[in-house]
Structure formats: structure tokens, C-alpha cells
């Protein structure tokens, strides 16, 4: 049974999930990658694919290292399934790069509970989020999670100044790079992306169906997750709250995103994969969990066939 197979984190699970992701990435980018072949563009797509694979294993590392979930493969399977359900996401280089940077930042924030080099971790987390915002502006909202981490682990007043210092560092490096390479300044207008509240693309069944399924799954598993937070140990509870805050922040990013085509949901898939994995790790509703997992795995396969 699939739930039994993915209930353990083994190399074979990682290989199969990676192959699943690569197949859908190739299908989504087939025309640009092969039919209209360009060596430089091919290498760029390959780099994007590697970043997406790295995102999967970074998520796995974060969850296992910080004991957010059991040592199962559910979290990376779910992240890949959610991502593969939106071909627009697999074609969007900017959100994939930005999401990887946000994951690097989240790794540093969650690891604050170890009480080691905490100020450096806050600096690193802010640095990565600011880098992410260069690719996808509204990912800057994840600074909220950084400040929540400060509030939990090092609430002294001076520590609240670390994020602005890190942000100024990224600004200085970006400005210097543009002056040296392009011989011009990097202006705010080049960084900022306006929001867009036009959801007409969501009327497309290719987007509407997976979004509806994912939102239903979110509501179902979130109730269980809140119960898990209430029962969690004192040391684990802040980490779980940061996961929940990341989910809320990702919703804000998706609402303010300049393009509504499903790619903006990638930031939402990281915390949701952790939350849903915790549900699948539980022993109740075994038959239901089995059916649900099969349906989720089939979702990216069936959508292109039907529509």
C-alpha cells in the first residue's frame, strides 16, 4: 500500500519522487526545451530543474532535522504532487528560485531553537528572503516569519535591528552588481511588483480543480494540525507555530501576487506539505488516507489528460 511505502524515508522513495518531478517538469517545458531548442535556454531550464529538486530535499532536511514530522517521505511527495499540478509553476523560473531562497531562510529560522549562533541565523534568514524578493517581490513578506522567530527565541531589542542590517547588505550588493555589470543603478521600480486582484484565470478548470482540492485538503488537515500544536512539547510548539505562520504568509503572497496562474502558490505548498504530512503520519483513518494519497498522486496525471 502507498501509505506504508511512503511512511518511511528511504533512498528509493527519494529517487521515485525525484523521477516523478523530472517527468512532469519535462512535459511542462517540452516545447521550449526540445522543439524550440537553444543550448543556453536548455542549460537555464536544467538549472531551474536542479533548483526545484534541491527545494524538495531542502524541505526534507528541514522537517527531519527539526523533527517537524516523522521520518516519512510524505512531505516531499506532497510538495512534488502539488507543484506538478500546475504547469505554469514548472515554467516559472522566478518563483522556483525565490522559493528555494525562502526555504534556505526557513531552515535558518526553524534552527533558532538550537540556541546556537542565533544572531547569525537571523541575519542569514533575512539575507535569503531579500534575495528571494529580487526574483519575486512579494516573497519579502516572509520577513514576518523572521520577526516571529526573533520574538520566540531572542526578543531583546537589539536583535530587532539585525533584519534591517541584512536588508541593507543585500541592497548594497545588488546596487554594486548593477553598477559594475550594467553600468546603471538598480531602482526601486525594478524591484517592486504591483499586486493584482484579477482571479479570472482561476476559472480555468486546469487551475480551479487542483486549487479546490488543495484548499479542501488544507482545511481538513489544518484542524488536525491545530490539535497537534496544542499537544506539542514546549520546545516543539514554536517551530509548529512558525510553520503555521508561514502558511498564512504564503496566502498573503498569493493574494498580492502580480500574476494569478497557480505559480504563486509554490510558497504555500511548503508549509502545507509539512502540515499534511503530519496528518498522514497519524494512524487513524487508514483506508481514507490510502484513497486520499492515491487521488493526490493521480491529480497531476489526470488533469492534462482531461483538459
C-alpha atoms as a PDB file:
ATOM      1  CA  UNK A   1       0.000   0.000   0.000  1.00  0.00           C
ATOM      2  CA  UNK A   2       1.178   3.507  -0.837  1.00  0.00           C
ATOM      3  CA  UNK A   3       0.803   4.862   2.689  1.00  0.00           C
ATOM      4  CA  UNK A   4       3.030   2.065   4.005  1.00  0.00           C
ATOM      5  CA  UNK A   5       5.579   2.596   1.232  1.00  0.00           C
ATOM      6  CA  UNK A   6       5.898   6.355   1.827  1.00  0.00           C
ATOM      7  CA  UNK A   7       5.653   6.097   5.614  1.00  0.00           C
ATOM      8  CA  UNK A   8       9.420   5.572   5.696  1.00  0.00           C
ATOM      9  CA  UNK A   9      12.078   7.844   4.277  1.00  0.00           C
ATOM     10  CA  UNK A  10      14.285   5.622   2.149  1.00  0.00           C
ATOM     11  CA  UNK A  11      16.602   6.388  -0.794  1.00  0.00           C
ATOM     12  CA  UNK A  12      14.232   4.554  -3.154  1.00  0.00           C
ATOM     13  CA  UNK A  13      11.400   6.891  -2.126  1.00  0.00           C
ATOM     14  CA  UNK A  14      13.533   9.935  -2.841  1.00  0.00           C
ATOM     15  CA  UNK A  15      14.559   8.550  -6.243  1.00  0.00           C
ATOM     16  CA  UNK A  16      10.967   7.770  -7.291  1.00  0.00           C
ATOM     17  CA  UNK A  17       9.693  11.173  -6.155  1.00  0.00           C
ATOM     18  CA  UNK A  18      12.548  12.904  -7.994  1.00  0.00           C
ATOM     19  CA  UNK A  19      11.797  10.954 -11.187  1.00  0.00           C
ATOM     20  CA  UNK A  20       8.095  11.879 -10.823  1.00  0.00           C
ATOM     21  CA  UNK A  21       9.073  15.551 -10.590  1.00  0.00           C
ATOM     22  CA  UNK A  22      11.527  15.392 -13.518  1.00  0.00           C
ATOM     23  CA  UNK A  23       8.940  13.734 -15.783  1.00  0.00           C
ATOM     24  CA  UNK A  24       6.361  16.462 -15.141  1.00  0.00           C
ATOM     25  CA  UNK A  25       8.963  19.212 -15.472  1.00  0.00           C
ATOM     26  CA  UNK A  26       9.997  17.845 -18.877  1.00  0.00           C
ATOM     27  CA  UNK A  27       6.367  17.551 -20.006  1.00  0.00           C
ATOM     28  CA  UNK A  28       5.595  21.124 -18.913  1.00  0.00           C
ATOM     29  CA  UNK A  29       8.691  22.524 -20.642  1.00  0.00           C
ATOM     30  CA  UNK A  30       8.870  20.095 -23.571  1.00  0.00           C
ATOM     31  CA  UNK A  31       8.277  22.630 -26.321  1.00  0.00           C
ATOM     32  CA  UNK A  32      10.732  25.235 -25.024  1.00  0.00           C
ATOM     33  CA  UNK A  33      13.304  22.598 -24.060  1.00  0.00           C
ATOM     34  CA  UNK A  34      13.327  20.369 -27.125  1.00  0.00           C
ATOM     35  CA  UNK A  35      11.238  21.627 -30.058  1.00  0.00           C
ATOM     36  CA  UNK A  36      12.490  25.219 -29.972  1.00  0.00           C
ATOM     37  CA  UNK A  37      15.963  24.111 -28.953  1.00  0.00           C
ATOM     38  CA  UNK A  38      18.516  26.633 -27.755  1.00  0.00           C
ATOM     39  CA  UNK A  39      21.645  25.415 -25.886  1.00  0.00           C
ATOM     40  CA  UNK A  40      21.707  28.340 -23.448  1.00  0.00           C
ATOM     41  CA  UNK A  41      17.983  28.092 -22.779  1.00  0.00           C
ATOM     42  CA  UNK A  42      18.338  24.327 -22.294  1.00  0.00           C
ATOM     43  CA  UNK A  43      21.037  24.900 -19.658  1.00  0.00           C
ATOM     44  CA  UNK A  44      18.875  27.540 -17.977  1.00  0.00           C
ATOM     45  CA  UNK A  45      15.967  25.098 -17.773  1.00  0.00           C
ATOM     46  CA  UNK A  46      18.304  22.442 -16.410  1.00  0.00           C
ATOM     47  CA  UNK A  47      19.449  24.852 -13.695  1.00  0.00           C
ATOM     48  CA  UNK A  48      15.794  25.556 -12.812  1.00  0.00           C
ATOM     49  CA  UNK A  49      15.095  21.822 -12.569  1.00  0.00           C
ATOM     50  CA  UNK A  50      18.098  21.334 -10.279  1.00  0.00           C
ATOM     51  CA  UNK A  51      16.839  24.179  -8.059  1.00  0.00           C
ATOM     52  CA  UNK A  52      13.429  22.541  -7.881  1.00  0.00           C
ATOM     53  CA  UNK A  53      14.960  19.176  -6.932  1.00  0.00           C
ATOM     54  CA  UNK A  54      17.145  20.946  -4.360  1.00  0.00           C
ATOM     55  CA  UNK A  55      13.994  22.563  -2.940  1.00  0.00           C
ATOM     56  CA  UNK A  56      12.496  19.103  -2.414  1.00  0.00           C
ATOM     57  CA  UNK A  57      15.468  17.798  -0.461  1.00  0.00           C
ATOM     58  CA  UNK A  58      15.895  21.060   1.465  1.00  0.00           C
ATOM     59  CA  UNK A  59      12.297  20.692   2.637  1.00  0.00           C
ATOM     60  CA  UNK A  60      13.021  17.094   3.623  1.00  0.00           C
ATOM     61  CA  UNK A  61      16.126  18.158   5.553  1.00  0.00           C
ATOM     62  CA  UNK A  62      14.296  20.935   7.417  1.00  0.00           C
ATOM     63  CA  UNK A  63      11.438  18.679   8.507  1.00  0.00           C
ATOM     64  CA  UNK A  64      13.675  15.792   9.588  1.00  0.00           C
ATOM     65  CA  UNK A  65      16.398  17.843  11.251  1.00  0.00           C
ATOM     66  CA  UNK A  66      13.915  19.824  13.340  1.00  0.00           C
ATOM     67  CA  UNK A  67      11.534  16.906  13.975  1.00  0.00           C
ATOM     68  CA  UNK A  68       8.561  18.701  12.423  1.00  0.00           C
ATOM     69  CA  UNK A  69       7.284  15.393  11.038  1.00  0.00           C
ATOM     70  CA  UNK A  70       8.072  11.722  11.399  1.00  0.00           C
ATOM     71  CA  UNK A  71      10.816  10.289   9.191  1.00  0.00           C
ATOM     72  CA  UNK A  72       8.470   9.640   6.287  1.00  0.00           C
ATOM     73  CA  UNK A  73       8.543  10.655   2.625  1.00  0.00           C
ATOM     74  CA  UNK A  74       5.063  12.189   2.672  1.00  0.00           C
ATOM     75  CA  UNK A  75       6.232  15.803   2.863  1.00  0.00           C
ATOM     76  CA  UNK A  76       8.412  15.710  -0.250  1.00  0.00           C
ATOM     77  CA  UNK A  77       5.869  13.584  -2.142  1.00  0.00           C
ATOM     78  CA  UNK A  78       3.115  16.080  -1.383  1.00  0.00           C
ATOM     79  CA  UNK A  79       5.255  19.082  -2.311  1.00  0.00           C
ATOM     80  CA  UNK A  80       6.079  17.466  -5.668  1.00  0.00           C
ATOM     81  CA  UNK A  81       2.455  16.463  -6.303  1.00  0.00           C
ATOM     82  CA  UNK A  82       1.191  19.974  -5.533  1.00  0.00           C
ATOM     83  CA  UNK A  83       3.868  21.588  -7.725  1.00  0.00           C
ATOM     84  CA  UNK A  84       3.346  19.159 -10.618  1.00  0.00           C
ATOM     85  CA  UNK A  85      -0.372  20.017 -10.652  1.00  0.00           C
ATOM     86  CA  UNK A  86       0.419  23.461 -12.106  1.00  0.00           C
ATOM     87  CA  UNK A  87       2.422  23.536 -15.332  1.00  0.00           C
ATOM     88  CA  UNK A  88       2.592  27.336 -15.062  1.00  0.00           C
ATOM     89  CA  UNK A  89       4.594  26.838 -11.859  1.00  0.00           C
ATOM     90  CA  UNK A  90       7.018  24.421 -13.521  1.00  0.00           C
ATOM     91  CA  UNK A  91       7.607  27.016 -16.251  1.00  0.00           C
ATOM     92  CA  UNK A  92       8.130  29.955 -13.899  1.00  0.00           C
ATOM     93  CA  UNK A  93      11.838  30.336 -13.149  1.00  0.00           C
ATOM     94  CA  UNK A  94      11.367  33.301 -10.835  1.00  0.00           C
ATOM     95  CA  UNK A  95       9.081  31.618  -8.299  1.00  0.00           C
ATOM     96  CA  UNK A  96      11.209  28.461  -8.230  1.00  0.00           C
ATOM     97  CA  UNK A  97      14.377  30.440  -7.454  1.00  0.00           C
ATOM     98  CA  UNK A  98      12.531  32.590  -4.909  1.00  0.00           C
ATOM     99  CA  UNK A  99      11.002  29.555  -3.180  1.00  0.00           C
ATOM    100  CA  UNK A 100      14.423  27.922  -2.826  1.00  0.00           C
ATOM    101  CA  UNK A 101      15.762  31.078  -1.170  1.00  0.00           C
ATOM    102  CA  UNK A 102      12.747  31.201   1.166  1.00  0.00           C
ATOM    103  CA  UNK A 103      13.405  27.565   2.082  1.00  0.00           C
ATOM    104  CA  UNK A 104      17.019  28.409   2.942  1.00  0.00           C
ATOM    105  CA  UNK A 105      15.689  31.228   5.127  1.00  0.00           C
ATOM    106  CA  UNK A 106      13.099  28.982   6.773  1.00  0.00           C
ATOM    107  CA  UNK A 107      15.815  26.461   7.572  1.00  0.00           C
ATOM    108  CA  UNK A 108      17.738  29.126   9.493  1.00  0.00           C
ATOM    109  CA  UNK A 109      14.638  30.420  11.307  1.00  0.00           C
ATOM    110  CA  UNK A 110      13.481  26.974  12.453  1.00  0.00           C
ATOM    111  CA  UNK A 111      17.003  26.100  13.638  1.00  0.00           C
ATOM    112  CA  UNK A 112      16.927  29.012  16.100  1.00  0.00           C
ATOM    113  CA  UNK A 113      15.599  26.552  18.677  1.00  0.00           C
ATOM    114  CA  UNK A 114      19.096  25.064  18.946  1.00  0.00           C
ATOM    115  CA  UNK A 115      20.193  28.336  20.644  1.00  0.00           C
ATOM    116  CA  UNK A 116      23.439  28.375  18.625  1.00  0.00           C
ATOM    117  CA  UNK A 117      24.762  31.397  16.656  1.00  0.00           C
ATOM    118  CA  UNK A 118      21.243  32.803  16.774  1.00  0.00           C
ATOM    119  CA  UNK A 119      22.024  36.320  15.578  1.00  0.00           C
ATOM    120  CA  UNK A 120      23.880  34.947  12.568  1.00  0.00           C
ATOM    121  CA  UNK A 121      20.893  32.763  11.723  1.00  0.00           C
ATOM    122  CA  UNK A 122      18.556  35.759  11.828  1.00  0.00           C
ATOM    123  CA  UNK A 123      20.934  37.658   9.535  1.00  0.00           C
ATOM    124  CA  UNK A 124      21.161  34.703   7.138  1.00  0.00           C
ATOM    125  CA  UNK A 125      17.377  34.211   7.069  1.00  0.00           C
ATOM    126  CA  UNK A 126      16.764  37.878   6.276  1.00  0.00           C
ATOM    127  CA  UNK A 127      19.525  37.819   3.664  1.00  0.00           C
ATOM    128  CA  UNK A 128      17.936  34.873   1.843  1.00  0.00           C
ATOM    129  CA  UNK A 129      14.444  36.393   1.934  1.00  0.00           C
ATOM    130  CA  UNK A 130      15.753  39.648   0.488  1.00  0.00           C
ATOM    131  CA  UNK A 131      17.488  37.651  -2.257  1.00  0.00           C
ATOM    132  CA  UNK A 132      14.187  35.851  -2.885  1.00  0.00           C
ATOM    133  CA  UNK A 133      12.434  39.210  -3.264  1.00  0.00           C
ATOM    134  CA  UNK A 134      14.777  40.084  -6.137  1.00  0.00           C
ATOM    135  CA  UNK A 135      13.245  37.172  -8.040  1.00  0.00           C
ATOM    136  CA  UNK A 136       9.692  37.518  -6.705  1.00  0.00           C
ATOM    137  CA  UNK A 137       8.977  40.773  -4.893  1.00  0.00           C
ATOM    138  CA  UNK A 138       6.131  39.700  -2.605  1.00  0.00           C
ATOM    139  CA  UNK A 139       8.228  36.959  -1.012  1.00  0.00           C
ATOM    140  CA  UNK A 140       9.573  39.864   1.083  1.00  0.00           C
ATOM    141  CA  UNK A 141       6.512  39.258   3.296  1.00  0.00           C
ATOM    142  CA  UNK A 142       8.301  36.250   4.786  1.00  0.00           C
ATOM    143  CA  UNK A 143      10.241  38.740   6.906  1.00  0.00           C
ATOM    144  CA  UNK A 144       7.173  38.436   9.141  1.00  0.00           C
ATOM    145  CA  UNK A 145       8.292  34.879   9.912  1.00  0.00           C
ATOM    146  CA  UNK A 146      11.816  36.130  10.684  1.00  0.00           C
ATOM    147  CA  UNK A 147      10.477  38.616  13.211  1.00  0.00           C
ATOM    148  CA  UNK A 148       8.261  35.910  14.706  1.00  0.00           C
ATOM    149  CA  UNK A 149      11.394  33.787  15.160  1.00  0.00           C
ATOM    150  CA  UNK A 150      13.092  36.721  16.901  1.00  0.00           C
ATOM    151  CA  UNK A 151      10.055  37.149  19.141  1.00  0.00           C
ATOM    152  CA  UNK A 152      10.162  33.473  20.141  1.00  0.00           C
ATOM    153  CA  UNK A 153      13.888  32.962  20.613  1.00  0.00           C
ATOM    154  CA  UNK A 154      15.782  36.267  21.069  1.00  0.00           C
ATOM    155  CA  UNK A 155      13.347  39.071  21.906  1.00  0.00           C
ATOM    156  CA  UNK A 156      15.979  41.576  23.132  1.00  0.00           C
ATOM    157  CA  UNK A 157      15.574  44.966  21.446  1.00  0.00           C
ATOM    158  CA  UNK A 158      18.963  44.989  19.710  1.00  0.00           C
ATOM    159  CA  UNK A 159      18.146  41.781  17.821  1.00  0.00           C
ATOM    160  CA  UNK A 160      15.267  43.519  16.036  1.00  0.00           C
ATOM    161  CA  UNK A 161      17.870  45.595  14.203  1.00  0.00           C
ATOM    162  CA  UNK A 162      19.501  42.574  12.547  1.00  0.00           C
ATOM    163  CA  UNK A 163      16.976  42.222   9.673  1.00  0.00           C
ATOM    164  CA  UNK A 164      17.336  45.863   8.511  1.00  0.00           C
ATOM    165  CA  UNK A 165      21.126  45.443   8.510  1.00  0.00           C
ATOM    166  CA  UNK A 166      20.847  42.269   6.418  1.00  0.00           C
ATOM    167  CA  UNK A 167      18.401  44.001   4.047  1.00  0.00           C
ATOM    168  CA  UNK A 168      20.810  46.922   3.595  1.00  0.00           C
ATOM    169  CA  UNK A 169      23.587  44.418   2.853  1.00  0.00           C
ATOM    170  CA  UNK A 170      21.548  42.849   0.044  1.00  0.00           C
ATOM    171  CA  UNK A 171      20.616  46.315  -1.265  1.00  0.00           C
ATOM    172  CA  UNK A 172      24.277  47.375  -1.333  1.00  0.00           C
ATOM    173  CA  UNK A 173      25.375  44.168  -3.087  1.00  0.00           C
ATOM    174  CA  UNK A 174      22.565  44.434  -5.657  1.00  0.00           C
ATOM    175  CA  UNK A 175      23.326  48.077  -6.380  1.00  0.00           C
ATOM    176  CA  UNK A 176      27.057  47.357  -6.723  1.00  0.00           C
ATOM    177  CA  UNK A 177      26.380  44.429  -9.066  1.00  0.00           C
ATOM    178  CA  UNK A 178      24.196  46.531 -11.367  1.00  0.00           C
ATOM    179  CA  UNK A 179      26.703  49.358 -11.471  1.00  0.00           C
ATOM    180  CA  UNK A 180      29.608  47.009 -12.277  1.00  0.00           C
ATOM    181  CA  UNK A 181      27.798  44.763 -14.760  1.00  0.00           C
ATOM    182  CA  UNK A 182      25.161  47.009 -16.345  1.00  0.00           C
ATOM    183  CA  UNK A 183      26.709  50.421 -15.610  1.00  0.00           C
ATOM    184  CA  UNK A 184      23.441  51.665 -14.153  1.00  0.00           C
ATOM    185  CA  UNK A 185      21.662  51.999 -10.823  1.00  0.00           C
ATOM    186  CA  UNK A 186      19.131  49.482  -9.579  1.00  0.00           C
ATOM    187  CA  UNK A 187      15.946  51.433  -8.894  1.00  0.00           C
ATOM    188  CA  UNK A 188      13.015  50.632  -6.641  1.00  0.00           C
ATOM    189  CA  UNK A 189      10.746  50.390  -9.698  1.00  0.00           C
ATOM    190  CA  UNK A 190      12.863  47.461 -10.969  1.00  0.00           C
ATOM    191  CA  UNK A 191      12.378  45.621  -7.680  1.00  0.00           C
ATOM    192  CA  UNK A 192       8.750  46.380  -6.872  1.00  0.00           C
ATOM    193  CA  UNK A 193       5.913  44.401  -8.443  1.00  0.00           C
ATOM    194  CA  UNK A 194       2.390  45.721  -8.159  1.00  0.00           C
ATOM    195  CA  UNK A 195      -0.378  43.480  -6.877  1.00  0.00           C
ATOM    196  CA  UNK A 196      -3.169  42.113  -8.996  1.00  0.00           C
ATOM    197  CA  UNK A 197      -6.589  41.002  -7.802  1.00  0.00           C
ATOM    198  CA  UNK A 198      -7.785  39.597 -11.110  1.00  0.00           C
ATOM    199  CA  UNK A 199      -8.660  35.943 -10.457  1.00  0.00           C
ATOM    200  CA  UNK A 200     -10.217  35.262 -13.863  1.00  0.00           C
ATOM    201  CA  UNK A 201      -7.502  32.670 -14.603  1.00  0.00           C
ATOM    202  CA  UNK A 202      -8.885  30.610 -11.725  1.00  0.00           C
ATOM    203  CA  UNK A 203     -11.990  29.978 -13.826  1.00  0.00           C
ATOM    204  CA  UNK A 204      -9.850  27.699 -15.985  1.00  0.00           C
ATOM    205  CA  UNK A 205     -10.585  24.153 -14.832  1.00  0.00           C
ATOM    206  CA  UNK A 206      -6.892  23.236 -15.078  1.00  0.00           C
ATOM    207  CA  UNK A 207      -6.299  25.676 -12.226  1.00  0.00           C
ATOM    208  CA  UNK A 208      -9.672  25.627 -10.477  1.00  0.00           C
ATOM    209  CA  UNK A 209      -9.783  21.857  -9.864  1.00  0.00           C
ATOM    210  CA  UNK A 210      -6.329  21.451  -8.222  1.00  0.00           C
ATOM    211  CA  UNK A 211      -6.798  24.677  -6.248  1.00  0.00           C
ATOM    212  CA  UNK A 212     -10.171  23.433  -4.962  1.00  0.00           C
ATOM    213  CA  UNK A 213      -8.709  20.055  -3.988  1.00  0.00           C
ATOM    214  CA  UNK A 214      -5.698  21.636  -2.286  1.00  0.00           C
ATOM    215  CA  UNK A 215      -7.822  24.163  -0.358  1.00  0.00           C
ATOM    216  CA  UNK A 216     -10.165  21.398   0.806  1.00  0.00           C
ATOM    217  CA  UNK A 217      -7.155  19.365   1.916  1.00  0.00           C
ATOM    218  CA  UNK A 218      -5.802  22.415   3.739  1.00  0.00           C
ATOM    219  CA  UNK A 219      -8.993  22.896   5.741  1.00  0.00           C
ATOM    220  CA  UNK A 220      -9.171  19.175   6.542  1.00  0.00           C
ATOM    221  CA  UNK A 221      -5.586  18.828   7.752  1.00  0.00           C
ATOM    222  CA  UNK A 222      -5.366  22.236   9.417  1.00  0.00           C
ATOM    223  CA  UNK A 223      -7.912  21.229  12.063  1.00  0.00           C
ATOM    224  CA  UNK A 224      -5.746  18.213  12.929  1.00  0.00           C
ATOM    225  CA  UNK A 225      -2.594  20.346  12.873  1.00  0.00           C
ATOM    226  CA  UNK A 226      -4.010  22.827  15.394  1.00  0.00           C
ATOM    227  CA  UNK A 227      -4.719  19.907  17.723  1.00  0.00           C
ATOM    228  CA  UNK A 228      -1.115  18.724  17.268  1.00  0.00           C
ATOM    229  CA  UNK A 229       0.168  22.199  18.202  1.00  0.00           C
ATOM    230  CA  UNK A 230      -1.897  22.201  21.400  1.00  0.00           C
ATOM    231  CA  UNK A 231      -0.403  18.841  22.433  1.00  0.00           C
ATOM    232  CA  UNK A 232       3.169  19.629  21.328  1.00  0.00           C
ATOM    233  CA  UNK A 233       6.041  19.965  23.775  1.00  0.00           C
ATOM    234  CA  UNK A 234       7.262  23.396  24.853  1.00  0.00           C
ATOM    235  CA  UNK A 235      10.370  23.077  22.682  1.00  0.00           C
ATOM    236  CA  UNK A 236       8.474  21.990  19.537  1.00  0.00           C
ATOM    237  CA  UNK A 237       5.469  24.319  19.759  1.00  0.00           C
ATOM    238  CA  UNK A 238       7.292  27.482  18.486  1.00  0.00           C
ATOM    239  CA  UNK A 239       8.515  25.579  15.398  1.00  0.00           C
ATOM    240  CA  UNK A 240       4.996  24.368  14.592  1.00  0.00           C
ATOM    241  CA  UNK A 241       3.643  27.887  15.094  1.00  0.00           C
ATOM    242  CA  UNK A 242       6.257  29.181  12.640  1.00  0.00           C
ATOM    243  CA  UNK A 243       5.068  26.593  10.095  1.00  0.00           C
ATOM    244  CA  UNK A 244       1.503  27.837  10.593  1.00  0.00           C
ATOM    245  CA  UNK A 245       2.622  31.466  10.243  1.00  0.00           C
ATOM    246  CA  UNK A 246       4.466  30.550   7.038  1.00  0.00           C
ATOM    247  CA  UNK A 247       1.221  29.118   5.679  1.00  0.00           C
ATOM    248  CA  UNK A 248      -0.654  32.347   6.458  1.00  0.00           C
ATOM    249  CA  UNK A 249       2.156  34.457   4.977  1.00  0.00           C
ATOM    250  CA  UNK A 250       2.149  32.330   1.815  1.00  0.00           C
ATOM    251  CA  UNK A 251      -1.581  33.022   1.441  1.00  0.00           C
ATOM    252  CA  UNK A 252      -0.812  36.749   1.623  1.00  0.00           C
ATOM    253  CA  UNK A 253       1.888  36.380  -1.024  1.00  0.00           C
ATOM    254  CA  UNK A 254      -0.553  34.538  -3.307  1.00  0.00           C
ATOM    255  CA  UNK A 255      -3.249  37.210  -2.816  1.00  0.00           C
ATOM    256  CA  UNK A 256      -0.843  40.056  -3.652  1.00  0.00           C
ATOM    257  CA  UNK A 257       0.937  38.217  -6.493  1.00  0.00           C
ATOM    258  CA  UNK A 258       1.044  40.131  -9.813  1.00  0.00           C
ATOM    259  CA  UNK A 259       0.097  37.020 -11.814  1.00  0.00           C
ATOM    260  CA  UNK A 260      -2.626  34.571 -10.843  1.00  0.00           C
ATOM    261  CA  UNK A 261      -1.820  31.380 -12.752  1.00  0.00           C
ATOM    262  CA  UNK A 262      -1.096  28.904  -9.956  1.00  0.00           C
ATOM    263  CA  UNK A 263       2.656  29.534  -9.823  1.00  0.00           C
ATOM    264  CA  UNK A 264       2.154  31.959  -6.925  1.00  0.00           C
ATOM    265  CA  UNK A 265       1.056  29.014  -4.745  1.00  0.00           C
ATOM    266  CA  UNK A 266       4.517  27.427  -4.554  1.00  0.00           C
ATOM    267  CA  UNK A 267       5.256  29.221  -1.268  1.00  0.00           C
ATOM    268  CA  UNK A 268       2.003  27.809   0.128  1.00  0.00           C
ATOM    269  CA  UNK A 269       2.997  24.241  -0.759  1.00  0.00           C
ATOM    270  CA  UNK A 270       5.999  24.126   1.599  1.00  0.00           C
ATOM    271  CA  UNK A 271       4.156  24.589   4.929  1.00  0.00           C
ATOM    272  CA  UNK A 272       1.107  22.727   3.597  1.00  0.00           C
ATOM    273  CA  UNK A 273       3.287  19.698   2.774  1.00  0.00           C
ATOM    274  CA  UNK A 274       4.542  19.642   6.366  1.00  0.00           C
ATOM    275  CA  UNK A 275       1.042  20.051   7.813  1.00  0.00           C
ATOM    276  CA  UNK A 276      -0.459  17.366   5.550  1.00  0.00           C
ATOM    277  CA  UNK A 277       2.478  15.044   6.207  1.00  0.00           C
ATOM    278  CA  UNK A 278       1.724  15.219   9.932  1.00  0.00           C
ATOM    279  CA  UNK A 279      -1.833  14.113   9.146  1.00  0.00           C
ATOM    280  CA  UNK A 280      -0.636  11.187   7.002  1.00  0.00           C
ATOM    281  CA  UNK A 281       1.810  10.164   9.730  1.00  0.00           C
ATOM    282  CA  UNK A 282      -1.082   9.517  12.095  1.00  0.00           C
ATOM    283  CA  UNK A 283      -2.513   6.021  12.400  1.00  0.00           C
ATOM    284  CA  UNK A 284      -6.218   6.865  12.212  1.00  0.00           C
ATOM    285  CA  UNK A 285      -8.362   6.709   9.055  1.00  0.00           C
ATOM    286  CA  UNK A 286      -6.025   4.281   7.325  1.00  0.00           C
ATOM    287  CA  UNK A 287      -8.332   3.459   4.390  1.00  0.00           C
ATOM    288  CA  UNK A 288      -9.256   7.110   3.883  1.00  0.00           C
ATOM    289  CA  UNK A 289      -5.600   8.160   3.939  1.00  0.00           C
ATOM    290  CA  UNK A 290      -4.789   5.493   1.364  1.00  0.00           C
ATOM    291  CA  UNK A 291      -7.535   6.636  -1.013  1.00  0.00           C
ATOM    292  CA  UNK A 292      -6.643  10.288  -0.492  1.00  0.00           C
ATOM    293  CA  UNK A 293      -2.963   9.707  -1.247  1.00  0.00           C
ATOM    294  CA  UNK A 294      -3.785   7.803  -4.435  1.00  0.00           C
ATOM    295  CA  UNK A 295      -6.080  10.610  -5.604  1.00  0.00           C
ATOM    296  CA  UNK A 296      -3.430  13.248  -4.896  1.00  0.00           C
ATOM    297  CA  UNK A 297      -0.758  11.323  -6.812  1.00  0.00           C
ATOM    298  CA  UNK A 298      -3.128  10.852  -9.758  1.00  0.00           C
ATOM    299  CA  UNK A 299      -4.195  14.523  -9.802  1.00  0.00           C
ATOM    300  CA  UNK A 300      -1.243  15.852 -11.877  1.00  0.00           C
ATOM    301  CA  UNK A 301      -1.510  12.820 -14.189  1.00  0.00           C
ATOM    302  CA  UNK A 302      -5.237  13.117 -14.884  1.00  0.00           C
ATOM    303  CA  UNK A 303      -5.534  16.882 -15.336  1.00  0.00           C
ATOM    304  CA  UNK A 304      -3.529  17.100 -18.612  1.00  0.00           C
ATOM    305  CA  UNK A 305      -5.437  14.085 -19.965  1.00  0.00           C
ATOM    306  CA  UNK A 306      -8.874  15.506 -19.220  1.00  0.00           C
ATOM    307  CA  UNK A 307      -8.228  19.091 -20.238  1.00  0.00           C
END
